[in-house]
C-alpha atoms as a PDB file:
ATOM      1  CA  MET A   1     108.987 111.576  90.531  1.00  0.00           C
ATOM      2  CA  SER A   2     106.818 111.016  93.555  1.00  0.00           C
ATOM      3  CA  ARG A   3     107.793 108.582  96.242  1.00  0.00           C
ATOM      4  CA  THR A   4     105.123 106.288  97.640  1.00  0.00           C
ATOM      5  CA  LEU A   5     104.834 104.985 101.183  1.00  0.00           C
ATOM      6  CA  VAL A   6     102.363 102.149 101.681  1.00  0.00           C
ATOM      7  CA  ILE A   7     101.001 101.639 105.188  1.00  0.00           C
ATOM      8  CA  VAL A   8      99.502  98.200 105.794  1.00  0.00           C
ATOM      9  CA  ALA A   9      97.128  97.732 108.708  1.00  0.00           C
ATOM     10  CA  CYS A  10      98.117  94.964 111.090  1.00  0.00           C
ATOM     11  CA  GLY A  11      95.797  92.021 111.482  1.00  0.00           C
ATOM     12  CA  ALA A  12      93.999  90.253 114.272  1.00  0.00           C
ATOM     13  CA  ARG A  13      95.297  86.842 113.172  1.00  0.00           C
ATOM     14  CA  LYS A  14      98.887  86.278 114.215  1.00  0.00           C
ATOM     15  CA  ILE A  15     101.423  83.489 114.066  1.00  0.00           C
ATOM     16  CA  TRP A  16     100.828  82.630 117.737  1.00  0.00           C
ATOM     17  CA  ASP A  17      97.205  81.688 116.951  1.00  0.00           C
ATOM     18  CA  ASP A  18      98.523  78.698 114.989  1.00  0.00           C
ATOM     19  CA  ASN A  19     101.832  78.199 116.761  1.00  0.00           C
ATOM     20  CA  PRO A  20     101.746  79.392 120.392  1.00  0.00           C
ATOM     21  CA  ASN A  21     105.457  78.578 120.755  1.00  0.00           C
ATOM     22  CA  ALA A  22     106.568  80.700 117.786  1.00  0.00           C
ATOM     23  CA  GLY A  23     108.424  83.177 120.000  1.00  0.00           C
ATOM     24  CA  PRO A  24     109.497  86.668 118.913  1.00  0.00           C
ATOM     25  CA  THR A  25     108.739  87.141 115.194  1.00  0.00           C
ATOM     26  CA  PRO A  26     109.407  89.848 112.572  1.00  0.00           C
ATOM     27  CA  ALA A  27     106.239  91.897 112.012  1.00  0.00           C
ATOM     28  CA  LYS A  28     106.031  90.987 108.311  1.00  0.00           C
ATOM     29  CA  ASP A  29     105.687  87.329 109.356  1.00  0.00           C
ATOM     30  CA  ALA A  30     103.730  87.814 112.585  1.00  0.00           C
ATOM     31  CA  TYR A  31     100.447  88.783 110.937  1.00  0.00           C
ATOM     32  CA  THR A  32      99.061  85.747 109.154  1.00  0.00           C
ATOM     33  CA  GLY A  33      95.546  86.673 108.078  1.00  0.00           C
ATOM     34  CA  ALA A  34      94.677  86.685 104.376  1.00  0.00           C
ATOM     35  CA  PRO A  35      93.982  90.446 104.246  1.00  0.00           C
ATOM     36  CA  PHE A  36      97.399  91.282 105.689  1.00  0.00           C
ATOM     37  CA  LYS A  37      99.162  88.845 103.366  1.00  0.00           C
ATOM     38  CA  VAL A  38      97.608  90.258 100.202  1.00  0.00           C
ATOM     39  CA  ASN A  39      98.155  93.851 101.355  1.00  0.00           C
ATOM     40  CA  ARG A  40     101.777  93.017 102.156  1.00  0.00           C
ATOM     41  CA  ARG A  41     102.246  91.702  98.607  1.00  0.00           C
ATOM     42  CA  TYR A  42     100.790  94.934  97.235  1.00  0.00           C
ATOM     43  CA  ALA A  43     103.115  97.008  99.420  1.00  0.00           C
ATOM     44  CA  GLU A  44     106.183  94.981  98.436  1.00  0.00           C
ATOM     45  CA  THR A  45     105.248  95.301  94.762  1.00  0.00           C
ATOM     46  CA  PHE A  46     104.225  98.939  94.427  1.00  0.00           C
ATOM     47  CA  SER A  47     105.867 101.010  97.183  1.00  0.00           C
ATOM     48  CA  ASP A  48     109.171 102.770  97.613  1.00  0.00           C
ATOM     49  CA  LYS A  49     108.880 101.869 101.305  1.00  0.00           C
ATOM     50  CA  TRP A  50     106.245 100.133 103.356  1.00  0.00           C
ATOM     51  CA  VAL A  51     105.462  99.978 107.039  1.00  0.00           C
ATOM     52  CA  ILE A  52     102.853  98.302 109.167  1.00  0.00           C
ATOM     53  CA  LEU A  53     100.467 100.231 111.373  1.00  0.00           C
ATOM     54  CA  SER A  54     100.170  98.191 114.541  1.00  0.00           C
ATOM     55  CA  ALA A  55      97.519  99.382 116.955  1.00  0.00           C
ATOM     56  CA  LYS A  56      99.894  98.425 119.772  1.00  0.00           C
ATOM     57  CA  TYR A  57     103.301  99.522 118.478  1.00  0.00           C
ATOM     58  CA  GLY A  58     102.379 102.219 115.945  1.00  0.00           C
ATOM     59  CA  PHE A  59     104.284 102.512 112.674  1.00  0.00           C
ATOM     60  CA  ILE A  60     106.731  99.617 112.486  1.00  0.00           C
ATOM     61  CA  ASN A  61     109.148  98.392 109.864  1.00  0.00           C
ATOM     62  CA  PRO A  62     108.511  94.904 108.474  1.00  0.00           C
ATOM     63  CA  ALA A  63     111.610  93.599 110.285  1.00  0.00           C
ATOM     64  CA  PHE A  64     110.462  94.950 113.681  1.00  0.00           C
ATOM     65  CA  ILE A  65     110.411  92.064 116.167  1.00  0.00           C
ATOM     66  CA  ILE A  66     107.073  91.499 117.859  1.00  0.00           C
ATOM     67  CA  PRO A  67     107.855  89.700 121.105  1.00  0.00           C
ATOM     68  CA  GLU A  68     104.525  87.974 121.710  1.00  0.00           C
ATOM     69  CA  ASN A  69     100.857  87.831 120.863  1.00  0.00           C
ATOM     70  CA  TYR A  70      98.636  90.810 121.636  1.00  0.00           C
ATOM     71  CA  ASN A  71      95.089  91.963 120.954  1.00  0.00           C
ATOM     72  CA  VAL A  72      94.919  95.730 120.445  1.00  0.00           C
ATOM     73  CA  THR A  73      92.857  97.438 117.741  1.00  0.00           C
ATOM     74  CA  PHE A  74      91.834 100.948 116.727  1.00  0.00           C
ATOM     75  CA  LYS A  75      88.318  99.525 116.373  1.00  0.00           C
ATOM     76  CA  LYS A  76      88.029  99.139 120.163  1.00  0.00           C
ATOM     77  CA  PRO A  77      89.398 102.126 122.110  1.00  0.00           C
ATOM     78  CA  SER A  78      89.123 100.037 125.305  1.00  0.00           C
ATOM     79  CA  THR A  79      92.130  97.996 124.069  1.00  0.00           C
ATOM     80  CA  ASN A  80      94.278 101.168 124.435  1.00  0.00           C
ATOM     81  CA  PRO A  81      95.679 101.570 120.918  1.00  0.00           C
ATOM     82  CA  VAL A  82      98.755 103.718 120.354  1.00  0.00           C
ATOM     83  CA  SER A  83      98.060 107.456 120.569  1.00  0.00           C
ATOM     84  CA  ILE A  84      98.065 109.869 117.652  1.00  0.00           C
ATOM     85  CA  ASP A  85     100.825 111.829 119.428  1.00  0.00           C
ATOM     86  CA  ALA A  86     102.989 108.702 119.525  1.00  0.00           C
ATOM     87  CA  LEU A  87     102.343 108.144 115.801  1.00  0.00           C
ATOM     88  CA  LYS A  88     103.358 111.760 115.079  1.00  0.00           C
ATOM     89  CA  LYS A  89     106.668 111.205 116.884  1.00  0.00           C
ATOM     90  CA  GLN A  90     107.273 108.005 114.909  1.00  0.00           C
ATOM     91  CA  ILE A  91     106.688 109.837 111.624  1.00  0.00           C
ATOM     92  CA  ILE A  92     109.680 112.072 112.409  1.00  0.00           C
ATOM     93  CA  GLU A  93     111.854 109.320 113.927  1.00  0.00           C
ATOM     94  CA  MET A  94     111.284 107.002 110.946  1.00  0.00           C
ATOM     95  CA  GLY A  95     111.451 109.684 108.238  1.00  0.00           C
ATOM     96  CA  LEU A  96     107.935 108.894 107.053  1.00  0.00           C
ATOM     97  CA  ASP A  97     107.372 112.597 106.348  1.00  0.00           C
ATOM     98  CA  LYS A  98     109.624 112.354 103.273  1.00  0.00           C
ATOM     99  CA  TYR A  99     107.018 110.764 100.977  1.00  0.00           C
ATOM    100  CA  ASP A 100     104.774 112.536  98.475  1.00  0.00           C
ATOM    101  CA  LYS A 101     102.027 109.953  98.542  1.00  0.00           C
ATOM    102  CA  ILE A 102     100.797 107.573 101.208  1.00  0.00           C
ATOM    103  CA  VAL A 103      98.563 104.625 100.385  1.00  0.00           C
ATOM    104  CA  VAL A 104      96.812 103.172 103.427  1.00  0.00           C
ATOM    105  CA  LEU A 105      95.625  99.584 103.098  1.00  0.00           C
ATOM    106  CA  GLY A 106      93.184  99.047 105.902  1.00  0.00           C
ATOM    107  CA  GLY A 107      89.788  99.899 107.299  1.00  0.00           C
ATOM    108  CA  LYS A 108      88.457 103.292 108.270  1.00  0.00           C
ATOM    109  CA  GLU A 109      89.787 103.276 111.837  1.00  0.00           C
ATOM    110  CA  TYR A 110      93.337 102.725 110.572  1.00  0.00           C
ATOM    111  CA  VAL A 111      92.896 105.287 107.787  1.00  0.00           C
ATOM    112  CA  ASN A 112      91.615 107.816 110.342  1.00  0.00           C
ATOM    113  CA  ALA A 113      94.645 107.225 112.568  1.00  0.00           C
ATOM    114  CA  VAL A 114      97.023 107.781 109.632  1.00  0.00           C
ATOM    115  CA  THR A 115      95.140 110.869 108.483  1.00  0.00           C
ATOM    116  CA  LYS A 116      95.306 112.433 111.960  1.00  0.00           C
ATOM    117  CA  ALA A 117      98.964 111.525 112.386  1.00  0.00           C
ATOM    118  CA  PHE A 118      99.949 113.115 109.048  1.00  0.00           C
ATOM    119  CA  GLU A 119      97.635 116.158 109.274  1.00  0.00           C
ATOM    120  CA  GLU A 120     100.579 118.584 109.594  1.00  0.00           C
ATOM    121  CA  TYR A 121     102.210 117.389 106.366  1.00  0.00           C
ATOM    122  CA  ASN A 122     101.469 118.307 102.794  1.00  0.00           C
ATOM    123  CA  VAL A 123     101.073 114.728 101.647  1.00  0.00           C
ATOM    124  CA  LYS A 124      98.474 112.994  99.527  1.00  0.00           C
ATOM    125  CA  ILE A 125      96.830 110.181 101.504  1.00  0.00           C
ATOM    126  CA  GLU A 126      94.928 107.576  99.526  1.00  0.00           C
ATOM    127  CA  ALA A 127      92.727 104.944 101.118  1.00  0.00           C
ATOM    128  CA  PRO A 128      91.391 102.757  98.296  1.00  0.00           C
ATOM    129  CA  LEU A 129      89.979 100.081 100.624  1.00  0.00           C
ATOM    130  CA  LYS A 130      88.534 102.261 103.393  1.00  0.00           C
ATOM    131  CA  ASP A 131      84.835 101.801 102.681  1.00  0.00           C
ATOM    132  CA  LEU A 132      84.897  98.365 101.075  1.00  0.00           C
ATOM    133  CA  PRO A 133      83.752  95.130 102.719  1.00  0.00           C
ATOM    134  CA  LEU A 134      86.685  92.794 103.375  1.00  0.00           C
ATOM    135  CA  GLY A 135      86.021  90.473 100.428  1.00  0.00           C
ATOM    136  CA  LYS A 136      85.780  93.340  97.935  1.00  0.00           C
ATOM    137  CA  ALA A 137      88.875  94.985  99.392  1.00  0.00           C
ATOM    138  CA  MET A 138      90.921  91.814  98.976  1.00  0.00           C
ATOM    139  CA  LYS A 139      89.588  91.370  95.438  1.00  0.00           C
ATOM    140  CA  LYS A 140      90.646  94.923  94.547  1.00  0.00           C
ATOM    141  CA  VAL A 141      94.179  94.321  95.846  1.00  0.00           C
ATOM    142  CA  LYS A 142      94.445  90.995  94.016  1.00  0.00           C
ATOM    143  CA  GLU A 143      93.320  92.655  90.770  1.00  0.00           C
ATOM    144  CA  ALA A 144      96.037  95.315  91.129  1.00  0.00           C
ATOM    145  CA  LEU A 145      98.619  92.592  91.689  1.00  0.00           C
ATOM    146  CA  SER A 146      97.444  90.465  88.762  1.00  0.00           C
ATOM    147  CA  THR A 147      97.413  93.407  86.332  1.00  0.00           C
ATOM    148  CA  GLY A 148     100.661  94.862  87.649  1.00  0.00           C
ATOM    149  CA  LYS A 149      99.014  98.258  88.033  1.00  0.00           C
ATOM    150  CA  PRO A 150      98.878 100.079  91.374  1.00  0.00           C
ATOM    151  CA  PHE A 151      95.672 101.752  92.522  1.00  0.00           C
ATOM    152  CA  ASP A 152      94.799 104.929  90.690  1.00  0.00           C
ATOM    153  CA  CYS A 153      92.920 106.849  93.357  1.00  0.00           C
END
């Protein structure tokens, strides 16, 4: 039986946008935008393991503590996102190379980062939301959750 890793892209909206005094927060609770929340629900429902791809910290576990607000994105290289080499090291350190299938929930820049990071591994990478506008992507995730059926890419 194949094991599935779901990688959820971080989000621009964070807890500190609404509560500047929130302090250090677990990653799963730090990102508060609707896309992240629905993708998190998908990951919690359909994966064997899930991680977040933070443009600042790289692959992080949901319990990883984010100390404070930040604004780094793969969409803007000038924000200095984490390097592909750093992501490759994290794959080994976190044992992310042990999965048969990886589902990336995020836009094309995040999918590209994952694809480059995992290029040395014989793993199936699926990106069901990559080319969809945000509203359609969220609708697709919500449909999977309401039917109880994961994406069939």
